[in-house]
């Protein structure tokens, strides 16, 4: 087959698209993960800017600034912990396909305890803040999974037992996204109160 013939290009196209189902699933999770990572970066930057704006007026609005402290630092702690767990998981399984890596790291472990405490701290910081009904509903939608953490001491088993590494990373990114969105909702409201 000549390299310039149309059949040659068709053959190359066919070979390039012959991927195993496992590779296709991994690619799909990678696409979702990349989207979540970009969103998390944007939300993290936004939350950081909101916090900086609130902190700039600390003297005039001390009580709001203190509330912003608890929300922002709880969100940052959760985010850092999740980033750390994702890195550990990636190092332990670069293929992304093993089913035991996330289970070993996150079920009935010290990591589960740390993550549970971090989620509960963020939940307490955000949930105790008074919001109007529309904002409260939006906040509650992002805190659904975190609420579950408070009531189920085996919550990680539900999410991470025998889950491929690439899926576990996406789940951790989704938790991170939810936590940062919850913090951003509260911080945006605090900033609005401080400005008005």
N, C-alpha and C. Protein backbone atom coordinates (compact mmCIF):
# COMPACT_ATOMS: atom_id res chain seq x y z
N UNK A 1 0.85 -1.18 0.00
CA UNK A 1 0.00 0.00 0.00
C UNK A 1 0.89 1.23 0.00
N UNK A 2 0.70 2.11 -0.96
CA UNK A 2 1.51 3.31 -1.07
C UNK A 2 1.09 4.31 0.00
N UNK A 3 2.08 5.06 0.48
CA UNK A 3 1.79 6.01 1.55
C UNK A 3 0.95 7.18 1.08
N UNK A 4 0.83 7.42 -0.22
CA UNK A 4 0.04 8.53 -0.71
C UNK A 4 -1.38 8.14 -1.11
N UNK A 5 -1.70 6.86 -1.09
CA UNK A 5 -3.02 6.43 -1.55
C UNK A 5 -4.10 6.74 -0.51
N UNK A 6 -5.35 6.95 -0.98
CA UNK A 6 -6.45 7.22 -0.05
C UNK A 6 -6.67 6.07 0.92
N UNK A 7 -6.40 4.84 0.46
CA UNK A 7 -6.60 3.68 1.33
C UNK A 7 -5.62 3.68 2.49
N UNK A 8 -4.43 4.17 2.23
CA UNK A 8 -3.41 4.25 3.27
C UNK A 8 -3.87 5.19 4.38
N UNK A 9 -4.40 6.36 4.00
CA UNK A 9 -4.88 7.32 5.00
C UNK A 9 -6.09 6.77 5.75
N UNK A 10 -6.95 6.06 5.04
CA UNK A 10 -8.11 5.43 5.68
C UNK A 10 -7.65 4.37 6.67
N UNK A 11 -6.65 3.60 6.27
CA UNK A 11 -6.09 2.57 7.14
C UNK A 11 -5.48 3.21 8.40
N UNK A 12 -4.72 4.29 8.23
CA UNK A 12 -4.13 4.98 9.39
C UNK A 12 -5.20 5.56 10.31
N UNK A 13 -6.25 6.12 9.71
CA UNK A 13 -7.35 6.66 10.51
C UNK A 13 -8.02 5.55 11.32
N UNK A 14 -8.23 4.40 10.67
CA UNK A 14 -8.84 3.26 11.34
C UNK A 14 -7.97 2.79 12.50
N UNK A 15 -6.67 2.67 12.28
CA UNK A 15 -5.76 2.25 13.34
C UNK A 15 -5.73 3.24 14.50
N UNK A 16 -5.77 4.51 14.20
CA UNK A 16 -5.71 5.53 15.24
C UNK A 16 -6.96 5.49 16.12
N UNK A 17 -8.08 5.06 15.55
CA UNK A 17 -9.32 5.02 16.31
C UNK A 17 -9.62 3.65 16.90
N UNK A 18 -8.72 2.71 16.74
CA UNK A 18 -8.90 1.38 17.33
C UNK A 18 -8.33 1.41 18.74
N UNK A 19 -9.16 1.78 19.65
CA UNK A 19 -8.73 1.85 21.05
C UNK A 19 -9.59 0.89 21.84
N UNK A 20 -9.01 0.29 22.83
CA UNK A 20 -9.77 -0.66 23.64
C UNK A 20 -10.84 0.09 24.43
N UNK A 21 -11.88 -0.61 24.86
CA UNK A 21 -12.91 0.04 25.68
C UNK A 21 -12.31 0.67 26.93
N UNK A 22 -11.34 0.02 27.49
CA UNK A 22 -10.68 0.56 28.69
C UNK A 22 -9.99 1.90 28.39
N UNK A 23 -9.32 1.96 27.25
CA UNK A 23 -8.66 3.21 26.87
C UNK A 23 -9.68 4.30 26.58
N UNK A 24 -10.79 3.94 25.97
CA UNK A 24 -11.83 4.91 25.67
C UNK A 24 -12.45 5.46 26.96
N UNK A 25 -12.69 4.59 27.93
CA UNK A 25 -13.24 5.02 29.21
C UNK A 25 -12.25 5.92 29.94
N UNK A 26 -10.98 5.50 29.91
CA UNK A 26 -9.94 6.31 30.54
C UNK A 26 -9.88 7.69 29.90
N UNK A 27 -9.97 7.75 28.58
CA UNK A 27 -9.97 9.03 27.87
C UNK A 27 -11.16 9.89 28.26
N UNK A 28 -12.33 9.27 28.40
CA UNK A 28 -13.53 10.01 28.79
C UNK A 28 -13.36 10.60 30.19
N UNK A 29 -12.85 9.80 31.11
CA UNK A 29 -12.62 10.31 32.47
C UNK A 29 -11.56 11.40 32.47
N UNK A 30 -10.55 11.26 31.63
CA UNK A 30 -9.51 12.29 31.54
C UNK A 30 -10.10 13.61 31.06
N UNK A 31 -10.99 13.54 30.09
CA UNK A 31 -11.64 14.75 29.58
C UNK A 31 -12.46 15.43 30.67
N UNK A 32 -13.25 14.65 31.39
CA UNK A 32 -14.06 15.20 32.49
C UNK A 32 -13.14 15.79 33.56
N UNK A 33 -12.08 15.06 33.88
CA UNK A 33 -11.15 15.51 34.91
C UNK A 33 -10.49 16.84 34.53
N UNK A 34 -10.07 16.96 33.29
CA UNK A 34 -9.44 18.20 32.83
C UNK A 34 -10.41 19.37 32.95
N UNK A 35 -11.66 19.13 32.63
CA UNK A 35 -12.68 20.18 32.75
C UNK A 35 -12.87 20.58 34.21
N UNK A 36 -12.94 19.59 35.10
CA UNK A 36 -13.10 19.89 36.53
C UNK A 36 -11.88 20.63 37.08
N UNK A 37 -10.70 20.23 36.66
CA UNK A 37 -9.48 20.90 37.14
C UNK A 37 -9.48 22.36 36.72
N UNK A 38 -9.84 22.63 35.46
CA UNK A 38 -9.91 24.02 35.00
C UNK A 38 -10.94 24.82 35.79
N UNK A 39 -12.10 24.21 36.01
CA UNK A 39 -13.15 24.88 36.79
C UNK A 39 -12.68 25.13 38.21
N UNK A 40 -12.03 24.15 38.81
CA UNK A 40 -11.53 24.31 40.17
C UNK A 40 -10.50 25.44 40.26
N UNK A 41 -9.67 25.57 39.25
CA UNK A 41 -8.69 26.66 39.22
C UNK A 41 -9.39 28.02 39.19
N UNK A 42 -10.41 28.12 38.34
CA UNK A 42 -11.16 29.37 38.22
C UNK A 42 -11.88 29.70 39.52
N UNK A 43 -12.54 28.71 40.09
CA UNK A 43 -13.27 28.93 41.35
C UNK A 43 -12.30 29.28 42.47
N UNK A 44 -11.17 28.60 42.53
CA UNK A 44 -10.18 28.89 43.56
C UNK A 44 -9.66 30.32 43.46
N UNK A 45 -9.41 30.76 42.24
CA UNK A 45 -8.96 32.14 42.02
C UNK A 45 -10.05 33.13 42.42
N UNK A 46 -11.27 32.83 42.05
CA UNK A 46 -12.40 33.70 42.38
C UNK A 46 -12.60 33.79 43.90
N UNK A 47 -12.57 32.63 44.56
CA UNK A 47 -12.74 32.62 46.02
C UNK A 47 -11.59 33.38 46.69
N UNK A 48 -10.40 33.21 46.18
CA UNK A 48 -9.25 33.94 46.72
C UNK A 48 -9.40 35.44 46.58
N UNK A 49 -9.91 35.88 45.43
CA UNK A 49 -10.12 37.32 45.20
C UNK A 49 -11.22 37.85 46.11
N UNK A 50 -12.31 37.09 46.25
CA UNK A 50 -13.39 37.51 47.15
C UNK A 50 -12.87 37.66 48.57
N UNK A 51 -12.09 36.67 48.99
CA UNK A 51 -11.53 36.73 50.35
C UNK A 51 -10.61 37.94 50.51
N UNK A 52 -9.77 38.20 49.52
CA UNK A 52 -8.87 39.35 49.59
C UNK A 52 -9.65 40.65 49.67
N UNK A 53 -10.73 40.76 48.91
CA UNK A 53 -11.57 41.97 48.95
C UNK A 53 -12.21 42.15 50.33
N UNK A 54 -12.70 41.07 50.90
CA UNK A 54 -13.31 41.14 52.23
C UNK A 54 -12.26 41.49 53.26
N UNK A 55 -11.12 40.85 53.16
CA UNK A 55 -10.04 41.08 54.12
C UNK A 55 -9.52 42.51 54.07
N UNK A 56 -9.59 43.14 52.91
CA UNK A 56 -9.14 44.53 52.78
C UNK A 56 -9.99 45.48 53.63
N UNK A 57 -11.24 45.12 53.87
CA UNK A 57 -12.11 45.96 54.70
C UNK A 57 -12.30 45.40 56.10
N UNK A 58 -11.34 44.63 56.57
CA UNK A 58 -11.44 43.94 57.86
C UNK A 58 -11.76 44.89 59.01
N UNK A 59 -11.12 46.03 59.06
CA UNK A 59 -11.33 46.96 60.19
C UNK A 59 -12.77 47.44 60.28
N UNK A 60 -13.39 47.69 59.16
CA UNK A 60 -14.75 48.21 59.15
C UNK A 60 -15.79 47.10 59.36
N UNK A 61 -15.44 45.88 59.02
CA UNK A 61 -16.41 44.78 59.05
C UNK A 61 -15.77 43.53 59.68
N UNK A 62 -15.34 43.66 60.89
CA UNK A 62 -14.60 42.58 61.56
C UNK A 62 -15.39 41.27 61.63
N UNK A 63 -16.68 41.32 61.97
CA UNK A 63 -17.45 40.08 62.12
C UNK A 63 -17.59 39.35 60.78
N UNK A 64 -17.78 40.11 59.70
CA UNK A 64 -17.85 39.48 58.38
C UNK A 64 -16.48 38.90 57.98
N UNK A 65 -15.43 39.61 58.31
CA UNK A 65 -14.09 39.13 57.97
C UNK A 65 -13.76 37.84 58.72
N UNK A 66 -14.18 37.75 59.96
CA UNK A 66 -13.95 36.52 60.73
C UNK A 66 -14.69 35.35 60.11
N UNK A 67 -15.93 35.58 59.69
CA UNK A 67 -16.69 34.52 59.03
C UNK A 67 -16.02 34.14 57.71
N UNK A 68 -15.55 35.13 56.97
CA UNK A 68 -14.84 34.85 55.72
C UNK A 68 -13.58 34.02 55.98
N UNK A 69 -12.88 34.33 57.08
CA UNK A 69 -11.70 33.54 57.45
C UNK A 69 -12.05 32.06 57.58
N UNK A 70 -13.11 31.78 58.34
CA UNK A 70 -13.45 30.38 58.60
C UNK A 70 -13.85 29.66 57.32
N UNK A 71 -14.61 30.33 56.46
CA UNK A 71 -15.04 29.71 55.20
C UNK A 71 -13.86 29.52 54.26
N UNK A 72 -13.10 30.57 54.04
CA UNK A 72 -12.02 30.51 53.07
C UNK A 72 -10.95 29.50 53.48
N UNK A 73 -10.51 29.55 54.73
CA UNK A 73 -9.43 28.64 55.15
C UNK A 73 -9.90 27.19 55.23
N UNK A 74 -11.17 26.97 55.55
CA UNK A 74 -11.70 25.60 55.51
C UNK A 74 -11.69 25.08 54.08
N UNK A 75 -12.08 25.92 53.13
CA UNK A 75 -12.09 25.52 51.72
C UNK A 75 -10.67 25.27 51.20
N UNK A 76 -9.75 26.13 51.58
CA UNK A 76 -8.35 25.96 51.16
C UNK A 76 -7.78 24.66 51.73
N UNK A 77 -8.09 24.36 52.99
CA UNK A 77 -7.60 23.12 53.60
C UNK A 77 -8.14 21.89 52.87
N UNK A 78 -9.44 21.90 52.57
CA UNK A 78 -10.04 20.78 51.83
C UNK A 78 -9.37 20.66 50.46
N UNK A 79 -9.21 21.76 49.78
CA UNK A 79 -8.64 21.75 48.44
C UNK A 79 -7.21 21.20 48.45
N UNK A 80 -6.41 21.64 49.40
CA UNK A 80 -5.02 21.15 49.49
C UNK A 80 -4.98 19.66 49.80
N UNK A 81 -5.84 19.22 50.71
CA UNK A 81 -5.88 17.80 51.05
C UNK A 81 -6.29 16.97 49.84
N UNK A 82 -7.30 17.42 49.12
CA UNK A 82 -7.74 16.70 47.93
C UNK A 82 -6.64 16.67 46.86
N UNK A 83 -5.95 17.79 46.67
CA UNK A 83 -4.84 17.81 45.72
C UNK A 83 -3.76 16.80 46.11
N UNK A 84 -3.46 16.75 47.39
CA UNK A 84 -2.46 15.81 47.90
C UNK A 84 -2.89 14.37 47.66
N UNK A 85 -4.14 14.06 47.95
CA UNK A 85 -4.64 12.70 47.75
C UNK A 85 -4.61 12.32 46.27
N UNK A 86 -4.98 13.25 45.40
CA UNK A 86 -4.94 12.97 43.96
C UNK A 86 -3.52 12.66 43.51
N UNK A 87 -2.55 13.41 44.01
CA UNK A 87 -1.16 13.17 43.63
C UNK A 87 -0.68 11.81 44.11
N UNK A 88 -1.03 11.45 45.33
CA UNK A 88 -0.64 10.14 45.87
C UNK A 88 -1.23 9.03 45.01
N UNK A 89 -2.49 9.17 44.66
CA UNK A 89 -3.16 8.15 43.84
C UNK A 89 -2.49 8.04 42.47
N UNK A 90 -2.18 9.17 41.87
CA UNK A 90 -1.53 9.15 40.54
C UNK A 90 -0.16 8.49 40.60
N UNK A 91 0.59 8.75 41.67
CA UNK A 91 1.92 8.14 41.82
C UNK A 91 1.80 6.63 41.99
N UNK A 92 0.80 6.21 42.75
CA UNK A 92 0.64 4.77 43.01
C UNK A 92 0.11 4.01 41.81
N UNK A 93 -0.55 4.70 40.89
CA UNK A 93 -1.08 4.03 39.69
C UNK A 93 -1.09 4.98 38.51
N UNK A 94 0.00 5.01 37.78
CA UNK A 94 0.08 5.92 36.64
C UNK A 94 -0.79 5.46 35.46
N UNK A 95 -1.15 4.17 35.44
CA UNK A 95 -2.01 3.68 34.35
C UNK A 95 -3.45 4.16 34.54
N UNK A 96 -3.85 4.38 35.78
CA UNK A 96 -5.20 4.84 36.07
C UNK A 96 -6.25 3.76 36.11
N UNK A 97 -5.84 2.51 35.98
CA UNK A 97 -6.82 1.43 35.84
C UNK A 97 -6.95 0.51 37.06
N UNK A 98 -6.03 0.58 37.99
CA UNK A 98 -6.10 -0.34 39.13
C UNK A 98 -7.31 -0.03 40.00
N UNK A 99 -7.91 -1.06 40.54
CA UNK A 99 -9.13 -0.93 41.34
C UNK A 99 -8.87 -0.83 42.84
N UNK A 100 -7.64 -1.06 43.26
CA UNK A 100 -7.36 -1.11 44.69
C UNK A 100 -6.73 0.16 45.26
N UNK A 101 -6.19 1.01 44.43
CA UNK A 101 -5.42 2.16 44.91
C UNK A 101 -6.27 3.11 45.74
N UNK A 102 -7.38 3.54 45.21
CA UNK A 102 -8.25 4.47 45.94
C UNK A 102 -8.82 3.81 47.18
N UNK A 103 -9.20 2.54 47.07
CA UNK A 103 -9.75 1.81 48.22
C UNK A 103 -8.75 1.78 49.36
N UNK A 104 -7.51 1.43 49.05
CA UNK A 104 -6.48 1.33 50.09
C UNK A 104 -6.19 2.68 50.74
N UNK A 105 -6.23 3.73 49.95
CA UNK A 105 -5.89 5.05 50.47
C UNK A 105 -7.05 5.70 51.22
N UNK A 106 -8.28 5.46 50.79
CA UNK A 106 -9.40 6.27 51.27
C UNK A 106 -10.46 5.54 52.10
N UNK A 107 -10.36 4.23 52.22
CA UNK A 107 -11.38 3.51 52.99
C UNK A 107 -10.77 3.04 54.30
N UNK A 108 -11.45 3.42 55.40
CA UNK A 108 -11.02 3.03 56.76
C UNK A 108 -9.54 3.34 56.98
N UNK A 109 -9.17 4.55 56.68
CA UNK A 109 -7.76 4.95 56.76
C UNK A 109 -7.62 6.32 57.44
N UNK A 110 -6.39 6.67 57.68
CA UNK A 110 -6.11 8.00 58.23
C UNK A 110 -6.53 9.08 57.24
N UNK A 111 -6.35 8.82 55.95
CA UNK A 111 -6.76 9.79 54.93
C UNK A 111 -8.26 10.02 54.97
N UNK A 112 -9.03 8.95 55.17
CA UNK A 112 -10.48 9.11 55.28
C UNK A 112 -10.82 9.99 56.48
N UNK A 113 -10.16 9.76 57.60
CA UNK A 113 -10.42 10.57 58.80
C UNK A 113 -10.09 12.04 58.56
N UNK A 114 -8.96 12.30 57.93
CA UNK A 114 -8.57 13.68 57.64
C UNK A 114 -9.56 14.35 56.70
N UNK A 115 -9.96 13.63 55.67
CA UNK A 115 -10.89 14.18 54.69
C UNK A 115 -12.26 14.43 55.33
N UNK A 116 -12.70 13.50 56.15
CA UNK A 116 -13.98 13.66 56.84
C UNK A 116 -13.96 14.91 57.72
N UNK A 117 -12.91 15.07 58.49
CA UNK A 117 -12.80 16.26 59.37
C UNK A 117 -12.78 17.55 58.54
N UNK A 118 -12.05 17.53 57.44
CA UNK A 118 -11.96 18.73 56.60
C UNK A 118 -13.32 19.07 55.99
N UNK A 119 -14.04 18.06 55.51
CA UNK A 119 -15.37 18.29 54.95
C UNK A 119 -16.33 18.83 56.01
N UNK A 120 -16.30 18.24 57.18
CA UNK A 120 -17.21 18.68 58.26
C UNK A 120 -16.90 20.11 58.67
N UNK A 121 -15.63 20.45 58.72
CA UNK A 121 -15.24 21.83 59.06
C UNK A 121 -15.76 22.81 58.01
N UNK A 122 -15.63 22.46 56.75
CA UNK A 122 -16.14 23.33 55.68
C UNK A 122 -17.66 23.42 55.75
N UNK A 123 -18.30 22.28 55.97
CA UNK A 123 -19.76 22.28 56.06
C UNK A 123 -20.22 23.20 57.19
N UNK A 124 -19.58 23.08 58.34
CA UNK A 124 -19.96 23.92 59.48
C UNK A 124 -19.76 25.40 59.17
N UNK A 125 -18.66 25.73 58.53
CA UNK A 125 -18.36 27.13 58.22
C UNK A 125 -19.34 27.72 57.22
N UNK A 126 -19.71 26.94 56.23
CA UNK A 126 -20.61 27.47 55.19
C UNK A 126 -22.08 27.37 55.58
N UNK A 127 -22.44 26.27 56.21
CA UNK A 127 -23.86 26.04 56.52
C UNK A 127 -24.38 26.99 57.59
N UNK A 128 -23.52 27.45 58.47
CA UNK A 128 -23.96 28.33 59.56
C UNK A 128 -24.19 29.77 59.10
N UNK A 129 -23.78 30.09 57.89
CA UNK A 129 -23.92 31.45 57.39
C UNK A 129 -25.34 31.65 56.85
N UNK A 130 -25.95 32.76 57.19
CA UNK A 130 -27.32 33.06 56.73
C UNK A 130 -27.31 33.58 55.30
N UNK A 131 -28.14 32.92 54.50
CA UNK A 131 -28.29 33.29 53.10
C UNK A 131 -29.77 33.42 52.78
N UNK A 132 -30.09 34.16 51.71
CA UNK A 132 -31.49 34.17 51.28
C UNK A 132 -31.83 32.79 50.70
N UNK A 133 -33.10 32.53 50.49
CA UNK A 133 -33.58 31.20 50.11
C UNK A 133 -32.95 30.70 48.80
N UNK A 134 -32.83 31.55 47.81
CA UNK A 134 -32.25 31.14 46.52
C UNK A 134 -30.79 30.74 46.68
N UNK A 135 -30.03 31.54 47.39
CA UNK A 135 -28.62 31.22 47.61
C UNK A 135 -28.46 29.99 48.50
N UNK A 136 -29.36 29.84 49.47
CA UNK A 136 -29.31 28.68 50.36
C UNK A 136 -29.53 27.40 49.57
N UNK A 137 -30.46 27.41 48.64
CA UNK A 137 -30.71 26.22 47.81
C UNK A 137 -29.49 25.89 46.95
N UNK A 138 -28.88 26.92 46.41
CA UNK A 138 -27.69 26.71 45.59
C UNK A 138 -26.56 26.13 46.46
N UNK A 139 -26.38 26.72 47.64
CA UNK A 139 -25.35 26.22 48.56
C UNK A 139 -25.63 24.77 48.93
N UNK A 140 -26.87 24.47 49.28
CA UNK A 140 -27.23 23.11 49.68
C UNK A 140 -26.97 22.09 48.56
N UNK A 141 -27.15 22.51 47.31
CA UNK A 141 -26.90 21.59 46.21
C UNK A 141 -25.42 21.20 46.14
N UNK A 142 -24.55 22.12 46.48
CA UNK A 142 -23.12 21.81 46.47
C UNK A 142 -22.69 21.06 47.73
N UNK A 143 -23.45 21.17 48.79
CA UNK A 143 -23.09 20.53 50.05
C UNK A 143 -23.73 19.15 50.24
N UNK A 144 -24.45 18.66 49.25
CA UNK A 144 -25.13 17.36 49.39
C UNK A 144 -24.16 16.24 49.77
N UNK A 145 -23.08 16.11 49.03
CA UNK A 145 -22.14 15.03 49.32
C UNK A 145 -21.45 15.24 50.66
N UNK A 146 -21.22 16.50 51.02
CA UNK A 146 -20.57 16.79 52.30
C UNK A 146 -21.52 16.47 53.46
N UNK A 147 -22.81 16.69 53.27
CA UNK A 147 -23.79 16.33 54.30
C UNK A 147 -23.76 14.84 54.56
N UNK A 148 -23.61 14.07 53.50
CA UNK A 148 -23.54 12.62 53.63
C UNK A 148 -22.34 12.20 54.48
N UNK A 149 -21.25 12.90 54.34
CA UNK A 149 -20.04 12.60 55.11
C UNK A 149 -20.32 12.69 56.61
N UNK A 150 -21.14 13.65 57.00
CA UNK A 150 -21.44 13.84 58.42
C UNK A 150 -22.25 12.69 59.00
N UNK A 151 -23.09 12.08 58.18
CA UNK A 151 -24.01 11.07 58.71
C UNK A 151 -23.58 9.62 58.47
N UNK A 152 -22.61 9.40 57.61
CA UNK A 152 -22.20 8.04 57.28
C UNK A 152 -20.70 7.88 57.45
N UNK A 153 -20.30 7.16 58.50
CA UNK A 153 -18.85 7.03 58.75
C UNK A 153 -18.15 6.13 57.73
N UNK A 154 -18.92 5.44 56.90
CA UNK A 154 -18.34 4.59 55.86
C UNK A 154 -18.56 5.19 54.46
N UNK A 155 -18.66 6.50 54.40
CA UNK A 155 -18.99 7.15 53.14
C UNK A 155 -17.98 6.88 52.03
N UNK A 156 -16.71 6.74 52.39
CA UNK A 156 -15.70 6.53 51.33
C UNK A 156 -15.87 5.18 50.65
N UNK A 157 -16.42 4.22 51.37
CA UNK A 157 -16.64 2.90 50.77
C UNK A 157 -17.61 3.02 49.59
N UNK A 158 -18.65 3.83 49.78
CA UNK A 158 -19.64 4.03 48.73
C UNK A 158 -19.01 4.62 47.47
N UNK A 159 -18.09 5.55 47.65
CA UNK A 159 -17.51 6.25 46.51
C UNK A 159 -16.26 5.58 45.93
N UNK A 160 -15.45 4.93 46.77
CA UNK A 160 -14.12 4.54 46.32
C UNK A 160 -13.80 3.05 46.36
N UNK A 161 -14.74 2.22 46.78
CA UNK A 161 -14.44 0.79 46.82
C UNK A 161 -14.40 0.22 45.40
N UNK A 162 -13.26 -0.38 45.06
CA UNK A 162 -13.04 -1.02 43.75
C UNK A 162 -13.36 -0.08 42.58
N UNK A 163 -12.91 1.14 42.71
CA UNK A 163 -13.10 2.15 41.66
C UNK A 163 -11.75 2.33 40.96
N UNK A 164 -11.74 2.35 39.64
CA UNK A 164 -10.47 2.59 38.94
C UNK A 164 -9.86 3.93 39.37
N UNK A 165 -8.57 3.98 39.34
CA UNK A 165 -7.86 5.18 39.78
C UNK A 165 -8.34 6.43 39.07
N UNK A 166 -8.51 6.37 37.74
CA UNK A 166 -8.93 7.57 37.01
C UNK A 166 -10.31 8.04 37.46
N UNK A 167 -11.20 7.12 37.82
CA UNK A 167 -12.53 7.51 38.30
C UNK A 167 -12.43 8.12 39.70
N UNK A 168 -11.55 7.58 40.53
CA UNK A 168 -11.36 8.12 41.88
C UNK A 168 -10.85 9.55 41.82
N UNK A 169 -9.96 9.82 40.90
CA UNK A 169 -9.43 11.18 40.75
C UNK A 169 -10.54 12.14 40.33
N UNK A 170 -11.39 11.71 39.41
CA UNK A 170 -12.51 12.54 38.98
C UNK A 170 -13.45 12.80 40.16
N UNK A 171 -13.71 11.78 40.96
CA UNK A 171 -14.57 11.95 42.14
C UNK A 171 -13.97 12.96 43.12
N UNK A 172 -12.67 12.87 43.34
CA UNK A 172 -12.01 13.82 44.24
C UNK A 172 -12.07 15.24 43.67
N UNK A 173 -11.92 15.36 42.35
CA UNK A 173 -12.06 16.68 41.72
C UNK A 173 -13.47 17.22 41.87
N UNK A 174 -14.46 16.34 41.78
CA UNK A 174 -15.85 16.77 41.94
C UNK A 174 -16.10 17.23 43.38
N UNK A 175 -15.58 16.50 44.35
CA UNK A 175 -15.68 16.95 45.75
C UNK A 175 -15.04 18.33 45.91
N UNK A 176 -13.88 18.49 45.30
CA UNK A 176 -13.16 19.77 45.39
C UNK A 176 -13.99 20.88 44.76
N UNK A 177 -14.57 20.60 43.62
CA UNK A 177 -15.41 21.57 42.94
C UNK A 177 -16.59 21.98 43.82
N UNK A 178 -17.27 21.01 44.40
CA UNK A 178 -18.42 21.30 45.26
C UNK A 178 -18.02 22.14 46.47
N UNK A 179 -16.91 21.80 47.08
CA UNK A 179 -16.45 22.53 48.26
C UNK A 179 -16.08 23.97 47.92
N UNK A 180 -15.36 24.15 46.83
CA UNK A 180 -14.97 25.50 46.45
C UNK A 180 -16.16 26.34 46.00
N UNK A 181 -17.12 25.71 45.33
CA UNK A 181 -18.34 26.44 44.95
C UNK A 181 -19.12 26.87 46.18
N UNK A 182 -19.22 26.00 47.18
CA UNK A 182 -19.92 26.34 48.42
C UNK A 182 -19.23 27.53 49.09
N UNK A 183 -17.91 27.50 49.14
CA UNK A 183 -17.17 28.61 49.74
C UNK A 183 -17.38 29.89 48.94
N UNK A 184 -17.36 29.79 47.63
CA UNK A 184 -17.52 30.98 46.79
C UNK A 184 -18.90 31.61 46.99
N UNK A 185 -19.95 30.80 47.13
CA UNK A 185 -21.29 31.34 47.35
C UNK A 185 -21.33 32.17 48.63
N UNK A 186 -20.77 31.63 49.69
CA UNK A 186 -20.78 32.35 50.97
C UNK A 186 -19.89 33.57 50.91
N UNK A 187 -18.70 33.44 50.35
CA UNK A 187 -17.79 34.58 50.27
C UNK A 187 -18.38 35.70 49.41
N UNK A 188 -19.05 35.34 48.33
CA UNK A 188 -19.67 36.36 47.47
C UNK A 188 -20.75 37.11 48.24
N UNK A 189 -21.51 36.38 49.06
CA UNK A 189 -22.54 37.04 49.85
C UNK A 189 -21.93 37.93 50.92
N UNK A 190 -20.87 37.45 51.56
CA UNK A 190 -20.19 38.28 52.57
C UNK A 190 -19.67 39.56 51.92
N UNK A 191 -19.05 39.42 50.76
CA UNK A 191 -18.53 40.61 50.08
C UNK A 191 -19.67 41.58 49.75
N UNK A 192 -20.79 41.05 49.32
CA UNK A 192 -21.94 41.91 49.02
C UNK A 192 -22.41 42.65 50.27
N UNK A 193 -22.39 42.00 51.41
CA UNK A 193 -22.80 42.65 52.67
C UNK A 193 -21.80 43.73 53.07
N UNK A 194 -20.54 43.46 52.83
CA UNK A 194 -19.48 44.41 53.20
C UNK A 194 -19.52 45.66 52.30
N UNK A 195 -19.78 45.44 51.01
CA UNK A 195 -19.82 46.56 50.08
C UNK A 195 -21.03 47.44 50.30
N UNK A 196 -22.17 46.84 50.63
CA UNK A 196 -23.42 47.62 50.81
C UNK A 196 -23.45 48.33 52.13
